[in-house]
């Protein structure tokens, strides 16, 4: 069972599903004085970063 849990967490890490939780842990450790954005704010910020860069596909 432990192996399945570890595998599931690894897959979540690869898919980025736990990015917000990891971000929150880092913010609490490095900047405890700053307020932590909501999950929606975090998602919108990451989305803006992703599409702010030029896309060279076409």
PDB file of N, CA and C in Angstrom:
ATOM      1  N   UNK A   1       0.818  -1.200   0.000  1.00  0.00           N
ATOM      2  CA  UNK A   1       0.000   0.000   0.000  1.00  0.00           C
ATOM      3  C   UNK A   1       0.859   1.261   0.000  1.00  0.00           C
ATOM      4  N   UNK A   2       1.937   1.231   0.753  1.00  0.00           N
ATOM      5  CA  UNK A   2       2.840   2.366   0.817  1.00  0.00           C
ATOM      6  C   UNK A   2       3.411   2.697  -0.564  1.00  0.00           C
ATOM      7  N   UNK A   3       3.695   1.682  -1.348  1.00  0.00           N
ATOM      8  CA  UNK A   3       4.243   1.881  -2.687  1.00  0.00           C
ATOM      9  C   UNK A   3       3.214   2.580  -3.571  1.00  0.00           C
ATOM     10  N   UNK A   4       1.958   2.189  -3.449  1.00  0.00           N
ATOM     11  CA  UNK A   4       0.903   2.822  -4.252  1.00  0.00           C
ATOM     12  C   UNK A   4       0.718   4.286  -3.880  1.00  0.00           C
ATOM     13  N   UNK A   5       0.781   4.601  -2.616  1.00  0.00           N
ATOM     14  CA  UNK A   5       0.657   5.989  -2.162  1.00  0.00           C
ATOM     15  C   UNK A   5       1.813   6.817  -2.699  1.00  0.00           C
ATOM     16  N   UNK A   6       3.002   6.275  -2.600  1.00  0.00           N
ATOM     17  CA  UNK A   6       4.174   6.999  -3.104  1.00  0.00           C
ATOM     18  C   UNK A   6       4.088   7.191  -4.613  1.00  0.00           C
ATOM     19  N   UNK A   7       3.618   6.176  -5.324  1.00  0.00           N
ATOM     20  CA  UNK A   7       3.454   6.290  -6.771  1.00  0.00           C
ATOM     21  C   UNK A   7       2.421   7.350  -7.112  1.00  0.00           C
ATOM     22  N   UNK A   8       1.312   7.350  -6.382  1.00  0.00           N
ATOM     23  CA  UNK A   8       0.254   8.342  -6.636  1.00  0.00           C
ATOM     24  C   UNK A   8       0.774   9.762  -6.397  1.00  0.00           C
ATOM     25  N   UNK A   9       1.518   9.962  -5.327  1.00  0.00           N
ATOM     26  CA  UNK A   9       2.079  11.294  -5.035  1.00  0.00           C
ATOM     27  C   UNK A   9       3.094  11.706  -6.096  1.00  0.00           C
ATOM     28  N   UNK A  10       3.865  10.755  -6.592  1.00  0.00           N
ATOM     29  CA  UNK A  10       4.824  11.043  -7.652  1.00  0.00           C
ATOM     30  C   UNK A  10       4.105  11.482  -8.924  1.00  0.00           C
ATOM     31  N   UNK A  11       3.024  10.785  -9.257  1.00  0.00           N
ATOM     32  CA  UNK A  11       2.246  11.159 -10.447  1.00  0.00           C
ATOM     33  C   UNK A  11       1.604  12.533 -10.286  1.00  0.00           C
ATOM     34  N   UNK A  12       1.140  12.843  -9.098  1.00  0.00           N
ATOM     35  CA  UNK A  12       0.585  14.171  -8.842  1.00  0.00           C
ATOM     36  C   UNK A  12       1.663  15.242  -9.017  1.00  0.00           C
ATOM     37  N   UNK A  13       2.858  14.942  -8.567  1.00  0.00           N
ATOM     38  CA  UNK A  13       3.967  15.883  -8.711  1.00  0.00           C
ATOM     39  C   UNK A  13       4.279  16.123 -10.189  1.00  0.00           C
ATOM     40  N   UNK A  14       4.308  15.056 -10.962  1.00  0.00           N
ATOM     41  CA  UNK A  14       4.577  15.194 -12.395  1.00  0.00           C
ATOM     42  C   UNK A  14       3.509  16.017 -13.103  1.00  0.00           C
ATOM     43  N   UNK A  15       2.262  15.826 -12.704  1.00  0.00           N
ATOM     44  CA  UNK A  15       1.154  16.527 -13.346  1.00  0.00           C
ATOM     45  C   UNK A  15       0.997  17.956 -12.830  1.00  0.00           C
ATOM     46  N   UNK A  16       1.673  18.299 -11.746  1.00  0.00           N
ATOM     47  CA  UNK A  16       1.568  19.646 -11.195  1.00  0.00           C
ATOM     48  C   UNK A  16       0.341  19.852 -10.331  1.00  0.00           C
ATOM     49  N   UNK A  17      -0.309  18.772  -9.934  1.00  0.00           N
ATOM     50  CA  UNK A  17      -1.528  18.888  -9.143  1.00  0.00           C
ATOM     51  C   UNK A  17      -1.282  19.405  -7.734  1.00  0.00           C
ATOM     52  N   UNK A  18      -0.092  19.237  -7.220  1.00  0.00           N
ATOM     53  CA  UNK A  18       0.194  19.700  -5.872  1.00  0.00           C
ATOM     54  C   UNK A  18       1.055  20.965  -5.872  1.00  0.00           C
ATOM     55  N   UNK A  19       1.084  21.680  -6.966  1.00  0.00           N
ATOM     56  CA  UNK A  19       1.919  22.872  -7.070  1.00  0.00           C
ATOM     57  C   UNK A  19       1.514  23.931  -6.051  1.00  0.00           C
ATOM     58  N   UNK A  20       0.221  24.091  -5.821  1.00  0.00           N
ATOM     59  CA  UNK A  20      -0.239  25.095  -4.865  1.00  0.00           C
ATOM     60  C   UNK A  20       0.195  24.733  -3.448  1.00  0.00           C
ATOM     61  N   UNK A  21       0.081  23.468  -3.082  1.00  0.00           N
ATOM     62  CA  UNK A  21       0.480  23.034  -1.741  1.00  0.00           C
ATOM     63  C   UNK A  21       1.976  23.244  -1.533  1.00  0.00           C
ATOM     64  N   UNK A  22       2.774  22.921  -2.533  1.00  0.00           N
ATOM     65  CA  UNK A  22       4.227  23.113  -2.448  1.00  0.00           C
ATOM     66  C   UNK A  22       4.547  24.604  -2.351  1.00  0.00           C
ATOM     67  N   UNK A  23       3.830  25.416  -3.115  1.00  0.00           N
ATOM     68  CA  UNK A  23       4.022  26.865  -3.080  1.00  0.00           C
ATOM     69  C   UNK A  23       3.713  27.408  -1.684  1.00  0.00           C
ATOM     70  N   UNK A  24       2.602  26.963  -1.104  1.00  0.00           N
ATOM     71  CA  UNK A  24       2.206  27.433   0.227  1.00  0.00           C
ATOM     72  C   UNK A  24       3.250  27.055   1.276  1.00  0.00           C
ATOM     73  N   UNK A  25       3.759  25.841   1.212  1.00  0.00           N
ATOM     74  CA  UNK A  25       4.799  25.413   2.149  1.00  0.00           C
ATOM     75  C   UNK A  25       6.034  26.296   2.029  1.00  0.00           C
ATOM     76  N   UNK A  26       6.425  26.593   0.798  1.00  0.00           N
ATOM     77  CA  UNK A  26       7.591  27.442   0.578  1.00  0.00           C
ATOM     78  C   UNK A  26       7.377  28.863   1.065  1.00  0.00           C
ATOM     79  N   UNK A  27       6.171  29.393   0.822  1.00  0.00           N
ATOM     80  CA  UNK A  27       5.868  30.751   1.286  1.00  0.00           C
ATOM     81  C   UNK A  27       5.892  30.825   2.805  1.00  0.00           C
ATOM     82  N   UNK A  28       5.334  29.828   3.465  1.00  0.00           N
ATOM     83  CA  UNK A  28       5.330  29.827   4.933  1.00  0.00           C
ATOM     84  C   UNK A  28       6.749  29.733   5.485  1.00  0.00           C
ATOM     85  N   UNK A  29       7.606  29.005   4.806  1.00  0.00           N
ATOM     86  CA  UNK A  29       8.979  28.828   5.277  1.00  0.00           C
ATOM     87  C   UNK A  29       9.840  30.054   4.996  1.00  0.00           C
ATOM     88  N   UNK A  30       9.718  30.621   3.807  1.00  0.00           N
ATOM     89  CA  UNK A  30      10.595  31.726   3.414  1.00  0.00           C
ATOM     90  C   UNK A  30      10.041  33.101   3.741  1.00  0.00           C
ATOM     91  N   UNK A  31       8.724  33.281   3.659  1.00  0.00           N
ATOM     92  CA  UNK A  31       8.109  34.594   3.867  1.00  0.00           C
ATOM     93  C   UNK A  31       6.872  34.468   4.763  1.00  0.00           C
ATOM     94  N   UNK A  32       7.054  34.152   6.028  1.00  0.00           N
ATOM     95  CA  UNK A  32       5.894  33.957   6.904  1.00  0.00           C
ATOM     96  C   UNK A  32       5.068  35.225   7.118  1.00  0.00           C
ATOM     97  N   UNK A  33       5.659  36.386   6.855  1.00  0.00           N
ATOM     98  CA  UNK A  33       4.943  37.643   7.063  1.00  0.00           C
ATOM     99  C   UNK A  33       3.990  37.980   5.913  1.00  0.00           C
ATOM    100  N   UNK A  34       4.204  37.390   4.763  1.00  0.00           N
ATOM    101  CA  UNK A  34       3.367  37.680   3.591  1.00  0.00           C
ATOM    102  C   UNK A  34       2.087  36.848   3.602  1.00  0.00           C
ATOM    103  N   UNK A  35       0.990  37.444   3.146  1.00  0.00           N
ATOM    104  CA  UNK A  35      -0.239  36.638   3.034  1.00  0.00           C
ATOM    105  C   UNK A  35      -0.129  35.656   1.870  1.00  0.00           C
ATOM    106  N   UNK A  36      -0.705  34.495   2.052  1.00  0.00           N
ATOM    107  CA  UNK A  36      -0.668  33.463   1.017  1.00  0.00           C
ATOM    108  C   UNK A  36      -1.867  33.665   0.099  1.00  0.00           C
ATOM    109  N   UNK A  37      -1.628  33.764  -1.218  1.00  0.00           N
ATOM    110  CA  UNK A  37      -2.751  33.941  -2.137  1.00  0.00           C
ATOM    111  C   UNK A  37      -3.668  32.718  -2.150  1.00  0.00           C
ATOM    112  N   UNK A  38      -4.886  32.944  -2.561  1.00  0.00           N
ATOM    113  CA  UNK A  38      -5.816  31.829  -2.675  1.00  0.00           C
ATOM    114  C   UNK A  38      -5.377  30.933  -3.820  1.00  0.00           C
ATOM    115  N   UNK A  39      -5.965  29.756  -3.875  1.00  0.00           N
ATOM    116  CA  UNK A  39      -5.619  28.822  -4.948  1.00  0.00           C
ATOM    117  C   UNK A  39      -5.983  29.411  -6.308  1.00  0.00           C
ATOM    118  N   UNK A  40      -7.070  30.143  -6.382  1.00  0.00           N
ATOM    119  CA  UNK A  40      -7.472  30.775  -7.645  1.00  0.00           C
ATOM    120  C   UNK A  40      -6.482  31.860  -8.059  1.00  0.00           C
ATOM    121  N   UNK A  41      -6.058  32.682  -7.108  1.00  0.00           N
ATOM    122  CA  UNK A  41      -5.070  33.723  -7.411  1.00  0.00           C
ATOM    123  C   UNK A  41      -3.761  33.098  -7.889  1.00  0.00           C
ATOM    124  N   UNK A  42      -3.351  32.018  -7.228  1.00  0.00           N
ATOM    125  CA  UNK A  42      -2.136  31.303  -7.616  1.00  0.00           C
ATOM    126  C   UNK A  42      -2.259  30.790  -9.051  1.00  0.00           C
ATOM    127  N   UNK A  43      -3.389  30.169  -9.361  1.00  0.00           N
ATOM    128  CA  UNK A  43      -3.612  29.625 -10.697  1.00  0.00           C
ATOM    129  C   UNK A  43      -3.582  30.735 -11.752  1.00  0.00           C
ATOM    130  N   UNK A  44      -4.249  31.844 -11.494  1.00  0.00           N
ATOM    131  CA  UNK A  44      -4.290  32.939 -12.467  1.00  0.00           C
ATOM    132  C   UNK A  44      -2.910  33.557 -12.663  1.00  0.00           C
ATOM    133  N   UNK A  45      -2.130  33.644 -11.595  1.00  0.00           N
ATOM    134  CA  UNK A  45      -0.768  34.175 -11.705  1.00  0.00           C
ATOM    135  C   UNK A  45       0.101  33.268 -12.568  1.00  0.00           C
ATOM    136  N   UNK A  46       0.009  31.963 -12.350  1.00  0.00           N
ATOM    137  CA  UNK A  46       0.791  31.011 -13.147  1.00  0.00           C
ATOM    138  C   UNK A  46       0.348  31.016 -14.606  1.00  0.00           C
ATOM    139  N   UNK A  47      -0.944  31.163 -14.831  1.00  0.00           N
ATOM    140  CA  UNK A  47      -1.471  31.221 -16.188  1.00  0.00           C
ATOM    141  C   UNK A  47      -0.958  32.467 -16.907  1.00  0.00           C
ATOM    142  N   UNK A  48      -0.943  33.599 -16.219  1.00  0.00           N
ATOM    143  CA  UNK A  48      -0.428  34.836 -16.802  1.00  0.00           C
ATOM    144  C   UNK A  48       1.059  34.706 -17.129  1.00  0.00           C
ATOM    145  N   UNK A  49       1.824  34.077 -16.237  1.00  0.00           N
ATOM    146  CA  UNK A  49       3.251  33.864 -16.503  1.00  0.00           C
ATOM    147  C   UNK A  49       3.467  32.987 -17.725  1.00  0.00           C
ATOM    148  N   UNK A  50       2.648  31.974 -17.860  1.00  0.00           N
ATOM    149  CA  UNK A  50       2.787  31.039 -18.971  1.00  0.00           C
ATOM    150  C   UNK A  50       2.563  31.720 -20.317  1.00  0.00           C
ATOM    151  N   UNK A  51       1.558  32.573 -20.396  1.00  0.00           N
ATOM    152  CA  UNK A  51       1.223  33.189 -21.677  1.00  0.00           C
ATOM    153  C   UNK A  51       1.849  34.562 -21.881  1.00  0.00           C
ATOM    154  N   UNK A  52       2.632  35.039 -20.925  1.00  0.00           N
ATOM    155  CA  UNK A  52       3.304  36.327 -21.074  1.00  0.00           C
ATOM    156  C   UNK A  52       4.531  36.207 -21.963  1.00  0.00           C
ATOM    157  N   UNK A  53       5.077  35.000 -22.066  1.00  0.00           N
ATOM    158  CA  UNK A  53       6.276  34.784 -22.875  1.00  0.00           C
ATOM    159  C   UNK A  53       5.893  34.571 -24.339  1.00  0.00           C
ATOM    160  N   UNK A  54       6.744  35.004 -25.252  1.00  0.00           N
ATOM    161  CA  UNK A  54       6.456  34.765 -26.672  1.00  0.00           C
ATOM    162  C   UNK A  54       6.442  33.274 -26.996  1.00  0.00           C
ATOM    163  N   UNK A  55       5.553  32.897 -27.864  1.00  0.00           N
ATOM    164  CA  UNK A  55       5.434  31.504 -28.276  1.00  0.00           C
ATOM    165  C   UNK A  55       6.055  31.362 -29.660  1.00  0.00           C
ATOM    166  N   UNK A  56       6.975  30.493 -29.807  1.00  0.00           N
ATOM    167  CA  UNK A  56       7.712  30.330 -31.064  1.00  0.00           C
ATOM    168  C   UNK A  56       7.195  29.179 -31.918  1.00  0.00           C
ATOM    169  N   UNK A  57       6.008  28.713 -31.668  1.00  0.00           N
ATOM    170  CA  UNK A  57       5.544  27.522 -32.365  1.00  0.00           C
ATOM    171  C   UNK A  57       5.173  27.784 -33.826  1.00  0.00           C
ATOM    172  N   UNK A  58       4.743  28.981 -34.166  1.00  0.00           N
ATOM    173  CA  UNK A  58       4.236  29.220 -35.526  1.00  0.00           C
ATOM    174  C   UNK A  58       5.077  30.216 -36.296  1.00  0.00           C
TER     175      UNK A  58
END
